Structures are given as C-alpha cells and as structure tokens.
C-alpha cells in the first residue's frame, strides 16, 4: 500500500470517528442529520467562488465544523 492510500485511509478513519462523536453528542440523531445536511447544502452554494479546498466535500466540512462546535464550545464564545 503506498503512502497516498495510507493517508486516505487515515483521513477516512478520522472522519468516521468525528461522525460518531457528533452522533454521541446529539440528543436527537434525526435532528442532527437534518442540521448537517442543511449546513452542507449552504456550504455547497456559499463556497462556489472558493476553489482552494476542492478535495473536501461540503458534507464532510459541515460534519467537522459541527463536531468542533459541540465538543469545543469555547470556539463559539470567543
């Protein structure tokens, strides 16, 4: 397995852990799923002009942001 495949596998594993972290922190899985989907949809259209990170899909960015907001509330308080 080459280095690129290892990095991709590591990245996917990290994303899976973040998804689990988000679902564990949520009181209602359905509600959090809808919130992630809506945020991803907004991101998709907001980031049309930004081309610097095309490798990360809007749904992944939305999940990572929401996990950070839930697990690190000090980010929002600053």
N, C-alpha and C. Protein backbone atom coordinates (compact mmCIF):
# COMPACT_ATOMS: atom_id res chain seq x y z
N UNK A 1 0.85 -1.17 0.00
CA UNK A 1 0.00 0.00 0.00
C UNK A 1 0.89 1.23 0.00
N UNK A 2 0.64 2.13 -0.92
CA UNK A 2 1.50 3.30 -0.99
C UNK A 2 1.08 4.36 0.04
N UNK A 3 1.88 5.40 0.14
CA UNK A 3 1.67 6.45 1.12
C UNK A 3 0.34 7.18 0.93
N UNK A 4 -0.05 7.41 -0.32
CA UNK A 4 -1.29 8.12 -0.59
C UNK A 4 -2.50 7.34 -0.09
N UNK A 5 -2.50 6.04 -0.30
CA UNK A 5 -3.61 5.20 0.18
C UNK A 5 -3.68 5.18 1.70
N UNK A 6 -2.51 5.15 2.35
CA UNK A 6 -2.48 5.17 3.81
C UNK A 6 -3.05 6.48 4.34
N UNK A 7 -2.68 7.59 3.71
CA UNK A 7 -3.19 8.89 4.13
C UNK A 7 -4.70 8.98 3.94
N UNK A 8 -5.18 8.46 2.83
CA UNK A 8 -6.61 8.47 2.55
C UNK A 8 -7.37 7.63 3.57
N UNK A 9 -6.83 6.46 3.88
CA UNK A 9 -7.45 5.56 4.85
C UNK A 9 -7.46 6.21 6.23
N UNK A 10 -6.35 6.87 6.60
CA UNK A 10 -6.27 7.56 7.89
C UNK A 10 -7.30 8.68 7.95
N UNK A 11 -7.41 9.44 6.89
CA UNK A 11 -8.35 10.56 6.84
C UNK A 11 -9.79 10.04 6.97
N UNK A 12 -10.11 8.95 6.29
CA UNK A 12 -11.44 8.38 6.37
C UNK A 12 -11.75 7.86 7.77
N UNK A 13 -10.77 7.26 8.40
CA UNK A 13 -10.94 6.77 9.77
C UNK A 13 -11.20 7.93 10.72
N UNK A 14 -10.45 9.00 10.55
CA UNK A 14 -10.63 10.19 11.39
C UNK A 14 -12.03 10.78 11.20
N UNK A 15 -12.49 10.83 9.97
CA UNK A 15 -13.84 11.35 9.68
C UNK A 15 -14.89 10.45 10.33
N UNK A 16 -14.70 9.14 10.25
CA UNK A 16 -15.65 8.22 10.88
C UNK A 16 -15.73 8.45 12.38
N UNK A 17 -14.59 8.66 13.03
CA UNK A 17 -14.59 8.94 14.47
C UNK A 17 -15.31 10.25 14.77
N UNK A 18 -15.12 11.25 13.93
CA UNK A 18 -15.78 12.54 14.12
C UNK A 18 -17.29 12.40 13.97
N UNK A 19 -17.73 11.59 13.01
CA UNK A 19 -19.16 11.36 12.83
C UNK A 19 -19.74 10.69 14.07
N UNK A 20 -19.05 9.69 14.59
CA UNK A 20 -19.52 9.01 15.80
C UNK A 20 -19.56 9.98 16.98
N UNK A 21 -18.57 10.84 17.06
CA UNK A 21 -18.51 11.83 18.14
C UNK A 21 -19.71 12.78 18.05
N UNK A 22 -20.05 13.19 16.85
CA UNK A 22 -21.19 14.08 16.63
C UNK A 22 -22.50 13.39 17.02
N UNK A 23 -22.65 12.15 16.59
CA UNK A 23 -23.89 11.42 16.90
C UNK A 23 -24.03 11.13 18.39
N UNK A 24 -22.92 10.86 19.07
CA UNK A 24 -22.97 10.62 20.50
C UNK A 24 -23.34 11.89 21.28
N UNK A 25 -22.89 13.03 20.78
CA UNK A 25 -23.15 14.29 21.48
C UNK A 25 -24.58 14.80 21.22
N UNK A 26 -25.19 14.31 20.16
CA UNK A 26 -26.52 14.79 19.79
C UNK A 26 -27.61 14.11 20.62
N UNK A 27 -28.61 14.88 20.97
CA UNK A 27 -29.75 14.31 21.68
C UNK A 27 -30.69 13.59 20.73
N UNK A 28 -30.75 14.05 19.49
CA UNK A 28 -31.68 13.52 18.52
C UNK A 28 -30.93 13.29 17.20
N UNK A 29 -30.73 12.04 16.82
CA UNK A 29 -29.95 11.72 15.61
C UNK A 29 -30.60 12.27 14.35
N UNK A 30 -31.92 12.21 14.28
CA UNK A 30 -32.63 12.71 13.09
C UNK A 30 -32.38 14.21 12.94
N UNK A 31 -32.54 14.93 14.04
CA UNK A 31 -32.38 16.39 14.01
C UNK A 31 -30.96 16.79 13.61
N UNK A 32 -29.97 16.11 14.16
CA UNK A 32 -28.58 16.46 13.83
C UNK A 32 -28.27 16.12 12.39
N UNK A 33 -28.86 15.04 11.88
CA UNK A 33 -28.66 14.66 10.48
C UNK A 33 -29.22 15.75 9.56
N UNK A 34 -30.40 16.26 9.88
CA UNK A 34 -31.01 17.33 9.09
C UNK A 34 -30.17 18.60 9.17
N UNK A 35 -29.65 18.90 10.36
CA UNK A 35 -28.81 20.09 10.52
C UNK A 35 -27.53 19.98 9.71
N UNK A 36 -26.92 18.81 9.71
CA UNK A 36 -25.69 18.60 8.92
C UNK A 36 -26.01 18.75 7.43
N UNK A 37 -27.10 18.15 6.99
CA UNK A 37 -27.48 18.23 5.58
C UNK A 37 -27.74 19.67 5.15
N UNK A 38 -28.45 20.42 5.98
CA UNK A 38 -28.74 21.82 5.64
C UNK A 38 -27.47 22.67 5.61
N UNK A 39 -26.58 22.43 6.56
CA UNK A 39 -25.32 23.18 6.57
C UNK A 39 -24.48 22.84 5.34
N UNK A 40 -24.44 21.57 5.00
CA UNK A 40 -23.67 21.15 3.82
C UNK A 40 -24.25 21.78 2.55
N UNK A 41 -25.55 21.84 2.48
CA UNK A 41 -26.19 22.46 1.31
C UNK A 41 -25.82 23.94 1.22
N UNK A 42 -25.87 24.63 2.37
CA UNK A 42 -25.47 26.05 2.38
C UNK A 42 -24.01 26.21 1.98
N UNK A 43 -23.15 25.35 2.55
CA UNK A 43 -21.72 25.42 2.24
C UNK A 43 -21.47 25.23 0.75
N UNK A 44 -22.20 24.29 0.17
CA UNK A 44 -22.02 24.00 -1.25
C UNK A 44 -22.22 25.26 -2.09
N UNK A 45 -23.25 26.01 -1.76
CA UNK A 45 -23.54 27.21 -2.55
C UNK A 45 -22.74 28.42 -2.11
N UNK A 46 -22.36 28.49 -0.85
CA UNK A 46 -21.54 29.61 -0.37
C UNK A 46 -20.12 29.51 -0.91
N UNK A 47 -19.62 28.29 -1.03
CA UNK A 47 -18.22 28.08 -1.40
C UNK A 47 -18.01 27.90 -2.90
N UNK A 48 -19.00 28.27 -3.71
CA UNK A 48 -18.86 28.12 -5.16
C UNK A 48 -17.68 28.94 -5.66
N UNK A 49 -17.48 30.12 -5.10
CA UNK A 49 -16.41 31.01 -5.55
C UNK A 49 -15.05 30.63 -4.95
N UNK A 50 -15.05 29.87 -3.88
CA UNK A 50 -13.80 29.48 -3.22
C UNK A 50 -13.37 28.13 -3.78
N UNK A 51 -12.20 28.10 -4.38
CA UNK A 51 -11.74 26.87 -5.03
C UNK A 51 -10.50 26.30 -4.34
N UNK A 52 -10.12 26.84 -3.20
CA UNK A 52 -8.86 26.42 -2.58
C UNK A 52 -8.90 25.01 -1.98
N UNK A 53 -10.07 24.51 -1.58
CA UNK A 53 -10.12 23.16 -1.00
C UNK A 53 -11.23 22.35 -1.66
N UNK A 54 -10.98 21.90 -2.86
CA UNK A 54 -11.99 21.13 -3.59
C UNK A 54 -11.97 19.66 -3.21
N UNK A 55 -10.95 19.23 -2.47
CA UNK A 55 -10.85 17.82 -2.12
C UNK A 55 -11.82 17.42 -1.00
N UNK A 56 -12.22 18.38 -0.17
CA UNK A 56 -13.13 18.08 0.93
C UNK A 56 -14.55 18.46 0.54
N UNK A 57 -15.42 17.50 0.58
CA UNK A 57 -16.81 17.72 0.19
C UNK A 57 -17.53 18.54 1.24
N UNK A 58 -18.56 19.29 0.85
CA UNK A 58 -19.30 20.12 1.80
C UNK A 58 -19.88 19.34 2.98
N UNK A 59 -20.31 18.11 2.77
CA UNK A 59 -20.87 17.33 3.87
C UNK A 59 -19.81 17.02 4.92
N UNK A 60 -18.60 16.74 4.48
CA UNK A 60 -17.51 16.45 5.42
C UNK A 60 -17.14 17.73 6.19
N UNK A 61 -17.06 18.85 5.48
CA UNK A 61 -16.75 20.12 6.15
C UNK A 61 -17.82 20.46 7.18
N UNK A 62 -19.09 20.24 6.84
CA UNK A 62 -20.18 20.52 7.77
C UNK A 62 -20.08 19.65 9.02
N UNK A 63 -19.80 18.37 8.83
CA UNK A 63 -19.66 17.45 9.97
C UNK A 63 -18.51 17.89 10.87
N UNK A 64 -17.36 18.18 10.28
CA UNK A 64 -16.20 18.57 11.08
C UNK A 64 -16.46 19.87 11.85
N UNK A 65 -17.11 20.83 11.21
CA UNK A 65 -17.43 22.09 11.90
C UNK A 65 -18.39 21.86 13.05
N UNK A 66 -19.42 21.05 12.81
CA UNK A 66 -20.41 20.83 13.86
C UNK A 66 -19.82 20.06 15.04
N UNK A 67 -18.94 19.13 14.78
CA UNK A 67 -18.27 18.41 15.87
C UNK A 67 -17.46 19.38 16.70
N UNK A 68 -16.73 20.27 16.04
CA UNK A 68 -15.93 21.26 16.77
C UNK A 68 -16.82 22.17 17.60
N UNK A 69 -17.96 22.58 17.06
CA UNK A 69 -18.87 23.46 17.79
C UNK A 69 -19.44 22.78 19.02
N UNK A 70 -19.75 21.50 18.89
CA UNK A 70 -20.35 20.77 20.01
C UNK A 70 -19.30 20.39 21.06
N UNK A 71 -18.16 19.93 20.62
CA UNK A 71 -17.16 19.43 21.56
C UNK A 71 -16.25 20.52 22.11
N UNK A 72 -16.19 21.66 21.42
CA UNK A 72 -15.32 22.75 21.87
C UNK A 72 -16.11 24.04 21.91
N UNK A 73 -17.02 24.18 22.88
CA UNK A 73 -17.88 25.36 22.92
C UNK A 73 -17.13 26.67 23.09
N UNK A 74 -15.88 26.60 23.55
CA UNK A 74 -15.10 27.84 23.68
C UNK A 74 -14.83 28.49 22.33
N UNK A 75 -14.94 27.73 21.25
CA UNK A 75 -14.76 28.30 19.91
C UNK A 75 -15.87 29.33 19.66
N UNK A 76 -17.09 29.01 20.08
CA UNK A 76 -18.22 29.90 19.85
C UNK A 76 -18.23 31.07 20.80
N UNK A 77 -17.66 30.93 21.97
CA UNK A 77 -17.71 32.01 22.97
C UNK A 77 -16.69 33.11 22.71
N UNK A 78 -15.69 32.84 21.87
CA UNK A 78 -14.66 33.87 21.59
C UNK A 78 -15.18 34.97 20.70
